[in-house]
Amino acid sequence: YHGDVRIFEALRHSLNVPAVAVLDRVGGARFEATLAASGVNMTRLGGDSESAGLALALGGAGMSVNDLAVIYAALANGGEARALRWRTDDKSPAHRLLSGQTAQDITRILRQAPTPSGRVPAWLAQNAPPIAYKTGTSYGFRDAWAAGYTDDWTVIVWVGRPDGAPRIGQTGRIAAAPLLFDVFSRL
């Protein structure tokens, strides 16, 4: 517990207590319904009939890499979510996940997240696009992920074992974020 913190600090540093407090004010069922309307499918430990509740703020429902890509692409697209495009002629209707202003505010915050060790922030690098990104680590170190986007690309990196065995100490920041930045440097 860090006491009172500003929203941007809570998001930038993945603080759990503020995330749960915000979801409590929004309402877990309302948030789940908004995600579902955007085409995001969540897996709940108790089955589909049970709500994830406030645990949703801490990853209490599973999502595929594709679903994470839809959410992060929506942030890049001013709050409009669409199904992933697998071909250039694919078309899907947009669904308003959040307001354009909220998407801009979140993007500004995520662009200020500390870069992985050994990486130069975009504002110091010539011609580097600013990367808005977030990392996550599942309970027991089974999954480490990083999700990021620029104005042109959305990239999701998952690191883990196919059998679900833990990888102790391998967090999203340590294991997945450097790979995310490698992908963006190649793009």
Protein backbone atom coordinates (compact mmCIF):
# COMPACT_ATOMS: atom_id res chain seq x y z
CA TYR A 1 0.00 0.00 0.00
CA HIS A 2 1.46 3.37 -1.07
CA GLY A 3 -1.11 5.74 0.44
CA ASP A 4 -2.65 8.44 -1.75
CA VAL A 5 -1.18 8.43 -5.26
CA ARG A 6 -2.10 10.19 -8.46
CA ILE A 7 -3.85 8.20 -11.17
CA PHE A 8 -0.91 8.39 -13.56
CA GLU A 9 1.48 7.00 -10.92
CA ALA A 10 -0.90 4.15 -10.06
CA LEU A 11 -1.26 3.14 -13.72
CA ARG A 12 2.38 3.66 -14.65
CA HIS A 13 3.60 1.49 -11.76
CA SER A 14 0.80 -1.12 -11.77
CA LEU A 15 -0.38 -0.40 -8.24
CA ASN A 16 -3.12 -2.86 -7.28
CA VAL A 17 -5.09 -1.01 -4.59
CA PRO A 18 -5.97 2.00 -6.81
CA ALA A 19 -6.95 -0.33 -9.68
CA VAL A 20 -9.38 -2.20 -7.43
CA ALA A 21 -10.76 1.08 -6.03
CA VAL A 22 -11.44 2.43 -9.54
CA LEU A 23 -13.12 -0.79 -10.65
CA ASP A 24 -15.24 -0.70 -7.49
CA ARG A 25 -16.50 2.75 -8.49
CA VAL A 26 -17.10 1.75 -12.13
CA GLY A 27 -18.64 -1.60 -11.26
CA GLY A 28 -17.19 -4.96 -12.22
CA ALA A 29 -20.31 -6.13 -14.09
CA ARG A 30 -20.49 -2.88 -16.08
CA PHE A 31 -16.81 -3.12 -17.02
CA GLU A 32 -17.18 -6.79 -18.04
CA ALA A 33 -20.23 -5.92 -20.17
CA THR A 34 -18.29 -3.16 -21.93
CA LEU A 35 -15.44 -5.53 -22.72
CA ALA A 36 -17.86 -8.21 -23.93
CA ALA A 37 -19.61 -5.70 -26.22
CA SER A 38 -16.18 -4.97 -27.73
CA GLY A 39 -15.75 -8.65 -28.58
CA VAL A 40 -13.41 -9.50 -25.71
CA ASN A 41 -13.98 -13.01 -24.36
CA MET A 42 -12.92 -13.62 -20.78
CA THR A 43 -12.43 -16.95 -19.06
CA ARG A 44 -13.48 -17.02 -15.42
CA LEU A 45 -12.16 -19.55 -12.95
CA GLY A 46 -15.65 -20.13 -11.54
CA GLY A 47 -17.17 -20.58 -15.00
CA ASP A 48 -18.94 -18.17 -17.33
CA SER A 49 -21.94 -17.79 -15.03
CA GLU A 50 -19.90 -16.05 -12.35
CA SER A 51 -18.65 -12.48 -12.52
CA ALA A 52 -14.95 -11.90 -11.96
CA GLY A 53 -15.93 -9.00 -9.67
CA LEU A 54 -13.18 -6.76 -8.35
CA ALA A 55 -10.59 -9.46 -9.08
CA LEU A 56 -10.94 -8.37 -12.72
CA ALA A 57 -8.75 -5.34 -11.86
CA LEU A 58 -5.93 -7.73 -10.97
CA GLY A 59 -6.31 -10.18 -13.84
CA GLY A 60 -9.00 -12.31 -12.21
CA ALA A 61 -10.29 -13.34 -15.63
CA GLY A 62 -8.23 -14.85 -18.38
CA MET A 63 -7.91 -13.26 -21.81
CA SER A 64 -6.27 -14.45 -24.97
CA VAL A 65 -3.43 -12.55 -26.59
CA ASN A 66 -5.89 -11.63 -29.36
CA ASP A 67 -8.31 -10.10 -26.83
CA LEU A 68 -5.50 -8.07 -25.25
CA ALA A 69 -4.58 -6.85 -28.75
CA VAL A 70 -8.17 -5.67 -29.33
CA ILE A 71 -8.10 -3.68 -26.07
CA TYR A 72 -4.70 -2.08 -26.65
CA ALA A 73 -5.47 -1.34 -30.31
CA ALA A 74 -8.63 0.41 -29.08
CA LEU A 75 -6.45 2.69 -26.95
CA ALA A 76 -4.35 3.46 -30.03
CA ASN A 77 -7.51 4.09 -32.08
CA GLY A 78 -9.01 6.76 -29.85
CA GLY A 79 -11.11 4.33 -27.80
CA GLU A 80 -12.73 2.42 -30.68
CA ALA A 81 -12.42 -1.37 -30.50
CA ARG A 82 -12.54 -3.57 -33.58
CA ALA A 83 -11.94 -7.23 -34.23
CA LEU A 84 -8.37 -7.94 -35.34
CA ARG A 85 -7.68 -7.64 -39.05
CA TRP A 86 -5.90 -10.68 -40.45
CA ARG A 87 -6.03 -9.38 -44.03
CA THR A 88 -6.01 -5.83 -45.40
CA ASP A 89 -9.53 -6.22 -46.82
CA ASP A 90 -11.01 -7.38 -43.49
CA LYS A 91 -13.64 -4.96 -42.21
CA SER A 92 -15.34 -5.02 -38.85
CA PRO A 93 -17.62 -2.54 -37.12
CA ALA A 94 -16.17 -0.38 -34.37
CA HIS A 95 -17.44 -0.36 -30.81
CA ARG A 96 -16.75 2.55 -28.47
CA LEU A 97 -14.80 1.01 -25.60
CA LEU A 98 -13.96 4.37 -23.97
CA SER A 99 -13.98 8.03 -24.88
CA GLY A 100 -11.34 9.48 -27.16
CA GLN A 101 -10.16 11.78 -24.38
CA THR A 102 -9.79 8.88 -21.95
CA ALA A 103 -7.84 6.89 -24.56
CA GLN A 104 -5.52 9.89 -25.07
CA ASP A 105 -5.02 10.30 -21.32
CA ILE A 106 -4.18 6.62 -20.85
CA THR A 107 -1.83 6.72 -23.84
CA ARG A 108 -0.01 9.73 -22.42
CA ILE A 109 0.45 7.90 -19.11
CA LEU A 110 1.57 4.61 -20.66
CA ARG A 111 4.10 6.42 -22.86
CA GLN A 112 5.78 7.61 -19.65
CA ALA A 113 6.15 4.12 -18.17
CA PRO A 114 9.75 3.33 -17.26
CA THR A 115 11.52 1.64 -20.17
CA PRO A 116 13.13 -1.77 -19.70
CA SER A 117 16.71 -1.85 -18.49
CA GLY A 118 19.14 -0.83 -21.20
CA ARG A 119 16.48 0.86 -23.37
CA VAL A 120 16.48 4.53 -24.24
CA PRO A 121 13.16 6.38 -23.87
CA ALA A 122 11.65 7.47 -27.20
CA TRP A 123 12.05 11.15 -26.34
CA LEU A 124 15.86 10.64 -26.25
CA ALA A 125 16.08 8.60 -29.47
CA GLN A 126 16.04 10.09 -32.94
CA ASN A 127 12.98 9.11 -35.03
CA ALA A 128 11.76 6.58 -32.45
CA PRO A 129 7.98 6.46 -32.05
CA PRO A 130 6.77 6.77 -28.47
CA ILE A 131 5.63 3.39 -27.18
CA ALA A 132 2.70 3.25 -24.78
CA TYR A 133 2.98 -0.03 -22.89
CA LYS A 134 1.97 -2.03 -19.87
CA THR A 135 3.26 -5.27 -18.40
CA GLY A 136 1.69 -7.98 -16.32
CA THR A 137 2.59 -11.12 -14.41
CA SER A 138 0.11 -13.82 -13.46
CA TYR A 139 -0.15 -15.40 -10.05
CA GLY A 140 2.68 -17.87 -9.48
CA PHE A 141 4.79 -16.49 -12.36
CA ARG A 142 2.97 -18.65 -14.93
CA ASP A 143 2.52 -15.86 -17.47
CA ALA A 144 4.54 -12.76 -18.20
CA TRP A 145 3.25 -10.36 -20.80
CA ALA A 146 3.77 -6.92 -22.27
CA ALA A 147 1.28 -5.02 -24.42
CA GLY A 148 2.26 -1.91 -26.31
CA TYR A 149 1.24 0.34 -29.13
CA THR A 150 2.38 3.26 -31.24
CA ASP A 151 0.34 5.26 -33.73
CA ASP A 152 0.93 2.50 -36.30
CA TRP A 153 1.33 -0.81 -34.48
CA THR A 154 -0.06 -2.81 -31.56
CA VAL A 155 2.15 -5.61 -30.21
CA ILE A 156 1.45 -8.19 -27.52
CA VAL A 157 4.21 -10.42 -26.12
CA TRP A 158 3.50 -13.43 -23.92
CA VAL A 159 6.28 -15.39 -22.22
CA GLY A 160 5.52 -18.58 -20.38
CA ARG A 161 5.49 -22.35 -20.59
CA PRO A 162 2.85 -24.22 -22.60
CA ASP A 163 2.28 -26.57 -19.66
CA GLY A 164 1.55 -23.64 -17.33
CA ALA A 165 4.49 -24.39 -15.04
CA PRO A 166 5.85 -21.37 -13.16
CA ARG A 167 8.93 -19.45 -14.18
CA ILE A 168 9.90 -18.01 -10.80
CA GLY A 169 11.07 -14.41 -10.94
CA GLN A 170 10.11 -13.95 -14.62
CA THR A 171 7.84 -10.91 -14.55
CA GLY A 172 6.33 -9.08 -17.50
CA ARG A 173 8.84 -6.28 -17.00
CA ILE A 174 11.84 -8.62 -16.94
CA ALA A 175 10.85 -11.31 -19.46
CA ALA A 176 8.33 -9.75 -21.89
CA ALA A 177 9.00 -5.99 -22.05
CA PRO A 178 12.51 -6.30 -23.57
CA LEU A 179 11.04 -8.51 -26.31
CA LEU A 180 8.27 -5.98 -26.90
CA PHE A 181 10.83 -3.23 -27.41
CA ASP A 182 12.85 -5.52 -29.73
CA VAL A 183 9.76 -6.02 -31.90
CA PHE A 184 9.07 -2.29 -32.06
CA SER A 185 12.68 -1.54 -32.98
CA ARG A 186 12.38 -3.96 -35.91
CA LEU A 187 9.05 -2.47 -37.02
